[in-house]
Amino acid sequence: MFLSIVLACLSPSVLSCNIFTNVQDIFPSREECLVDAVKVRDSFIDKGAYAKAGCVKLEHKGIDT
């Protein structure tokens, strides 16, 4: 399972950046996740922001009860 993440910045300064995640949709494949992340990234870029898209693999760790 994969979580899409977008880093969006108003300027080249790291202090202007925010991280956005799509917690409503967890994707079964990296490819599907990247389609979503790139769509969001492109919308930030269209508005003049700096943006980078990516996906994080979610792994279950711990003891099931």
Protein backbone atom coordinates (compact mmCIF):
# COMPACT_ATOMS: atom_id res chain seq x y z
CA MET A 1 0.00 0.00 0.00
CA PHE A 2 1.26 3.49 -0.85
CA LEU A 3 0.58 7.00 0.46
CA SER A 4 0.92 9.96 -1.91
CA ILE A 5 2.89 12.96 -0.66
CA VAL A 6 3.51 16.41 -2.17
CA LEU A 7 6.03 18.94 -0.89
CA ALA A 8 4.89 22.44 -1.96
CA CYS A 9 6.89 25.63 -1.37
CA LEU A 10 5.99 29.27 -1.98
CA SER A 11 9.65 30.19 -2.56
CA PRO A 12 13.00 28.39 -2.82
CA SER A 13 13.33 28.73 0.97
CA VAL A 14 12.62 25.54 2.90
CA LEU A 15 10.80 27.69 5.47
CA SER A 16 8.00 28.28 2.94
CA CYS A 17 7.29 24.56 2.41
CA ASN A 18 4.34 22.43 3.48
CA ILE A 19 3.80 18.70 3.13
CA PHE A 20 0.46 17.45 1.80
CA THR A 21 -0.66 13.82 2.03
CA ASN A 22 -3.73 12.11 0.63
CA VAL A 23 -4.84 10.09 3.65
CA GLN A 24 -8.27 9.51 2.13
CA ASP A 25 -6.91 7.31 -0.66
CA ILE A 26 -4.29 4.65 0.04
CA PHE A 27 -3.11 3.12 -3.23
CA PRO A 28 -2.34 -0.56 -3.90
CA SER A 29 0.52 0.19 -6.34
CA ARG A 30 3.26 2.81 -6.64
CA GLU A 31 2.12 3.65 -10.18
CA GLU A 32 -1.44 4.52 -9.09
CA CYS A 33 -0.05 6.54 -6.20
CA LEU A 34 2.27 8.53 -8.47
CA VAL A 35 -0.62 9.40 -10.82
CA ASP A 36 -2.43 11.03 -7.89
CA ALA A 37 0.68 12.73 -6.50
CA VAL A 38 1.73 14.15 -9.88
CA LYS A 39 -1.77 15.52 -10.47
CA VAL A 40 -1.64 17.42 -7.17
CA ARG A 41 1.95 18.54 -7.79
CA ASP A 42 0.99 19.93 -11.20
CA SER A 43 -1.88 21.93 -9.67
CA PHE A 44 0.57 23.58 -7.25
CA ILE A 45 3.03 24.31 -10.07
CA ASP A 46 0.22 25.85 -12.15
CA LYS A 47 -0.40 28.27 -9.25
CA GLY A 48 3.27 29.33 -9.19
CA ALA A 49 4.53 27.19 -6.32
CA TYR A 50 7.56 24.92 -6.25
CA ALA A 51 6.44 21.32 -5.79
CA LYS A 52 7.77 17.77 -5.67
CA ALA A 53 5.65 14.59 -5.69
CA GLY A 54 6.35 11.15 -4.31
CA CYS A 55 4.93 8.07 -2.66
CA VAL A 56 5.76 6.24 0.55
CA LYS A 57 5.28 2.52 1.00
CA LEU A 58 3.22 1.74 4.09
CA GLU A 59 4.26 -1.35 6.02
CA HIS A 60 2.56 -2.86 8.99
CA LYS A 61 4.85 -3.29 11.96
CA GLY A 62 3.89 -4.57 15.34
CA ILE A 63 1.78 -7.28 16.88
CA ASP A 64 -1.75 -8.01 15.68
CA THR A 65 -4.20 -8.44 18.55
